[in-house]
Amino acid sequence: MNLSFHQNKTLSESPENGVAVHLFEVFKKKEYTYTGEMVRVGQPYQALQPDSDGNMRNAWLFPLKLKNEYALPFDETTAQELFEKKERKARKLSDSELRERAEKSPAQVGSRIGQTTVIPRSPYIAAYAKRRANGHCELCKQPAPFETKKGEPYLECHHIEWLAKGGDDSIENTVALCPNCHRKMHALNLLDDINFLRNCSSN
């Protein structure tokens, strides 16, 4: 890769060349998400980066930022799926390969405006689930791991059938879990745990 070749040349000479730079990102194969018009804010620099086959090569990087502060929000769910896909590939690397990739990853990262679907929930149902739990996780049955600044046991509300999948925001579908069990339900969602929690919420 060099700075006198096609898009690299265009980016290297911007914004002085008057060519507008528009950024499209790929979170899913063959699907292009438009981010907005960009401007170069620093000099191009080189760093080792993996190519599409995972082989390391010296690539040119271009510091960019949005031309104005209003970016089109991106789909956080899709971005998370892409991250998890890359993470699964990373876990297949040897210890030495993984360390090498980690050490050569850019230390400075940018930020983006995300777009998520917010489903309104009843604060009364959440409060009832926590009160019913009486300071104990309704899955592992252990005391809450710590107290809030107000001295209340810290538990998180979880919908047994997820709201995003059509579950109800109801007493029968809501339980109070410690952070560890809450993460377990979202990572594994084991049938035995689901049935156990259904029994807890119905009592």
Protein backbone atom coordinates (compact mmCIF):
# COMPACT_ATOMS: atom_id res chain seq x y z
CA MET A 1 0.00 0.00 0.00
CA ASN A 2 1.25 3.49 -0.86
CA LEU A 3 -0.05 7.05 -0.80
CA SER A 4 0.07 7.59 -4.56
CA PHE A 5 -2.47 4.91 -5.44
CA HIS A 6 -6.19 5.53 -6.12
CA GLN A 7 -8.24 6.17 -2.93
CA ASN A 8 -5.11 6.48 -0.79
CA LYS A 9 -3.95 9.34 -2.98
CA THR A 10 -7.36 11.03 -2.81
CA LEU A 11 -7.49 10.74 0.99
CA SER A 12 -3.87 11.83 1.40
CA GLU A 13 -4.44 15.00 -0.61
CA SER A 14 -7.76 15.90 1.01
CA PRO A 15 -9.16 18.34 1.91
CA GLU A 16 -6.90 20.49 -0.29
CA ASN A 17 -7.97 18.66 -3.47
CA GLY A 18 -11.62 19.65 -2.97
CA VAL A 19 -12.87 16.06 -3.21
CA ALA A 20 -15.67 15.25 -0.76
CA VAL A 21 -15.01 12.14 1.31
CA HIS A 22 -18.01 10.05 2.34
CA LEU A 23 -17.69 7.08 4.68
CA PHE A 24 -19.62 3.83 4.30
CA GLU A 25 -19.15 1.04 6.83
CA VAL A 26 -19.77 -2.68 6.44
CA PHE A 27 -21.24 -4.44 9.48
CA LYS A 28 -22.80 -7.25 7.44
CA LYS A 29 -21.44 -8.71 4.23
CA LYS A 30 -22.65 -6.78 1.15
CA GLU A 31 -24.58 -4.30 3.34
CA TYR A 32 -23.19 -0.75 3.36
CA THR A 33 -24.13 1.72 6.09
CA TYR A 34 -23.65 5.41 5.28
CA THR A 35 -21.97 7.35 8.09
CA GLY A 36 -21.60 10.84 6.63
CA GLU A 37 -19.14 13.22 5.01
CA MET A 38 -15.69 13.11 6.58
CA VAL A 39 -12.61 15.37 6.72
CA ARG A 40 -9.01 14.36 7.36
CA VAL A 41 -7.78 15.84 10.65
CA GLY A 42 -4.22 14.53 10.80
CA GLN A 43 -1.37 13.22 8.73
CA PRO A 44 -1.62 9.66 7.36
CA TYR A 45 0.49 7.14 9.26
CA GLN A 46 1.42 3.49 8.89
CA ALA A 47 0.64 0.61 11.24
CA LEU A 48 0.52 -3.17 11.01
CA GLN A 49 -3.03 -4.34 10.32
CA PRO A 50 -4.51 -7.74 9.36
CA ASP A 51 -5.79 -8.12 5.80
CA SER A 52 -8.95 -10.05 4.86
CA ASP A 53 -7.05 -13.33 5.28
CA GLY A 54 -5.67 -12.37 8.68
CA ASN A 55 -2.14 -11.76 7.41
CA MET A 56 -0.36 -8.75 8.91
CA ARG A 57 0.71 -5.99 6.52
CA ASN A 58 1.82 -2.38 6.83
CA ALA A 59 -1.26 -0.28 6.08
CA TRP A 60 -1.83 3.44 5.73
CA LEU A 61 -4.32 4.87 8.21
CA PHE A 62 -6.10 8.20 7.84
CA PRO A 63 -7.36 10.16 10.89
CA LEU A 64 -10.89 11.26 9.98
CA LYS A 65 -13.78 12.98 11.67
CA LEU A 66 -17.29 13.95 10.64
CA LYS A 67 -17.52 17.22 8.75
CA ASN A 68 -20.37 18.23 11.04
CA GLU A 69 -21.44 16.91 14.42
CA TYR A 70 -24.54 15.18 13.16
CA ALA A 71 -23.81 11.55 12.29
CA LEU A 72 -26.36 9.06 11.12
CA PRO A 73 -26.79 6.65 14.05
CA PHE A 74 -25.67 3.10 13.42
CA ASP A 75 -27.33 -0.10 14.49
CA GLU A 76 -25.66 -1.13 17.77
CA THR A 77 -27.04 -4.66 17.57
CA THR A 78 -25.47 -5.23 14.16
CA ALA A 79 -22.17 -3.71 15.31
CA GLN A 80 -22.17 -5.98 18.38
CA GLU A 81 -22.80 -9.02 16.19
CA LEU A 82 -19.83 -8.05 14.03
CA PHE A 83 -17.63 -7.59 17.11
CA GLU A 84 -18.62 -11.01 18.47
CA LYS A 85 -17.92 -12.62 15.08
CA LYS A 86 -14.42 -11.13 15.04
CA GLU A 87 -13.91 -12.13 18.67
CA ARG A 88 -14.77 -15.75 17.85
CA LYS A 89 -12.14 -15.70 15.10
CA ALA A 90 -9.63 -14.18 17.53
CA ARG A 91 -10.16 -17.03 20.01
CA LYS A 92 -8.96 -19.49 17.36
CA LEU A 93 -5.52 -17.83 17.15
CA SER A 94 -2.51 -19.21 19.00
CA ASP A 95 -1.31 -17.42 22.14
CA SER A 96 1.54 -15.76 20.28
CA GLU A 97 -0.65 -14.68 17.33
CA LEU A 98 -3.31 -13.29 19.63
CA ARG A 99 -0.78 -11.32 21.68
CA GLU A 100 0.83 -9.94 18.51
CA ARG A 101 -2.55 -8.77 17.16
CA ALA A 102 -3.47 -7.25 20.53
CA GLU A 103 -0.18 -5.37 20.84
CA LYS A 104 -0.50 -3.95 17.32
CA SER A 105 -4.12 -2.87 17.66
CA PRO A 106 -4.63 0.93 17.61
CA ALA A 107 -4.67 2.29 21.17
CA GLN A 108 -6.79 5.30 20.22
CA VAL A 109 -10.37 4.55 19.24
CA GLY A 110 -13.15 6.75 17.99
CA SER A 111 -16.73 7.05 19.15
CA ARG A 112 -20.03 6.74 17.37
CA ILE A 113 -23.65 7.66 17.98
CA GLY A 114 -25.61 4.44 18.31
CA GLN A 115 -29.21 3.63 17.62
CA THR A 116 -31.08 1.16 19.78
CA THR A 117 -34.71 0.27 20.20
CA VAL A 118 -35.91 1.34 23.65
CA ILE A 119 -38.89 -0.57 25.02
CA PRO A 120 -40.67 1.30 27.84
CA ARG A 121 -40.99 -0.76 31.03
CA SER A 122 -43.06 -0.31 34.16
CA PRO A 123 -41.00 0.91 37.13
CA TYR A 124 -43.63 -0.61 39.42
CA ILE A 125 -43.12 -4.12 38.04
CA ALA A 126 -39.34 -3.71 38.38
CA ALA A 127 -39.68 -2.48 41.96
CA TYR A 128 -42.06 -5.33 42.81
CA ALA A 129 -39.65 -7.97 41.45
CA LYS A 130 -36.81 -6.57 43.56
CA ARG A 131 -38.97 -6.41 46.66
CA ARG A 132 -40.16 -9.99 46.13
CA ALA A 133 -36.52 -11.11 45.86
CA ASN A 134 -35.87 -9.62 49.32
CA GLY A 135 -32.21 -8.86 48.63
CA HIS A 136 -31.40 -12.25 47.09
CA CYS A 137 -30.85 -13.23 43.47
CA GLU A 138 -33.84 -15.29 42.32
CA LEU A 139 -31.60 -17.64 40.31
CA CYS A 140 -28.55 -18.43 42.45
CA LYS A 141 -30.34 -17.48 45.69
CA GLN A 142 -27.24 -15.67 46.96
CA PRO A 143 -27.41 -12.21 48.62
CA ALA A 144 -26.99 -9.21 46.32
CA PRO A 145 -23.24 -8.68 45.72
CA PHE A 146 -23.27 -5.12 47.06
CA GLU A 147 -25.53 -2.28 48.13
CA THR A 148 -26.40 0.88 46.21
CA LYS A 149 -25.46 4.33 47.53
CA LYS A 150 -28.88 4.36 49.16
CA GLY A 151 -28.08 1.16 51.03
CA GLU A 152 -30.38 -1.04 48.96
CA PRO A 153 -29.37 -4.50 47.71
CA TYR A 154 -28.20 -4.22 44.10
CA LEU A 155 -30.20 -6.53 41.82
CA GLU A 156 -31.11 -6.21 38.15
CA CYS A 157 -34.51 -6.87 36.60
CA HIS A 158 -34.70 -9.54 33.93
CA HIS A 159 -37.59 -10.58 31.70
CA ILE A 160 -37.72 -14.37 31.48
CA GLU A 161 -39.11 -14.14 27.95
CA TRP A 162 -37.20 -11.18 26.56
CA LEU A 163 -39.22 -8.11 25.63
CA ALA A 164 -37.36 -7.96 22.32
CA LYS A 165 -38.77 -11.41 21.53
CA GLY A 166 -42.35 -10.58 22.46
CA GLY A 167 -42.29 -11.18 26.21
CA ASP A 168 -44.68 -9.31 28.49
CA ASP A 169 -43.67 -6.65 30.97
CA SER A 170 -45.54 -8.39 33.76
CA ILE A 171 -44.97 -9.62 37.30
CA GLU A 172 -45.01 -13.22 36.08
CA ASN A 173 -42.33 -12.53 33.46
CA THR A 174 -40.00 -10.40 35.60
CA VAL A 175 -37.36 -11.52 38.11
CA ALA A 176 -34.56 -9.84 40.08
CA LEU A 177 -31.06 -11.21 39.45
CA CYS A 178 -27.53 -10.50 40.57
CA PRO A 179 -25.35 -9.05 37.74
CA ASN A 180 -23.59 -12.40 37.24
CA CYS A 181 -26.78 -14.40 36.78
CA HIS A 182 -28.29 -11.65 34.64
CA ARG A 183 -25.33 -11.88 32.27
CA LYS A 184 -25.59 -15.68 32.33
CA MET A 185 -29.23 -15.52 31.20
CA HIS A 186 -28.36 -13.23 28.30
CA ALA A 187 -25.34 -15.28 27.30
CA LEU A 188 -26.78 -18.81 27.72
CA ASN A 189 -30.52 -18.59 28.49
CA LEU A 190 -30.58 -22.23 29.59
CA LEU A 191 -33.96 -23.95 29.60
CA ASP A 192 -33.49 -25.28 33.16
CA ASP A 193 -32.81 -21.73 34.40
CA ILE A 194 -35.81 -20.38 32.48
CA ASN A 195 -38.13 -22.96 34.06
CA PHE A 196 -36.65 -22.32 37.53
CA LEU A 197 -37.25 -18.58 37.18
CA ARG A 198 -40.79 -19.09 35.96
CA ASN A 199 -41.54 -20.99 39.16
CA CYS A 200 -39.99 -18.18 41.22
CA SER A 201 -42.01 -15.44 39.53
CA SER A 202 -45.29 -17.32 39.88
CA ASN A 203 -44.96 -17.77 43.65
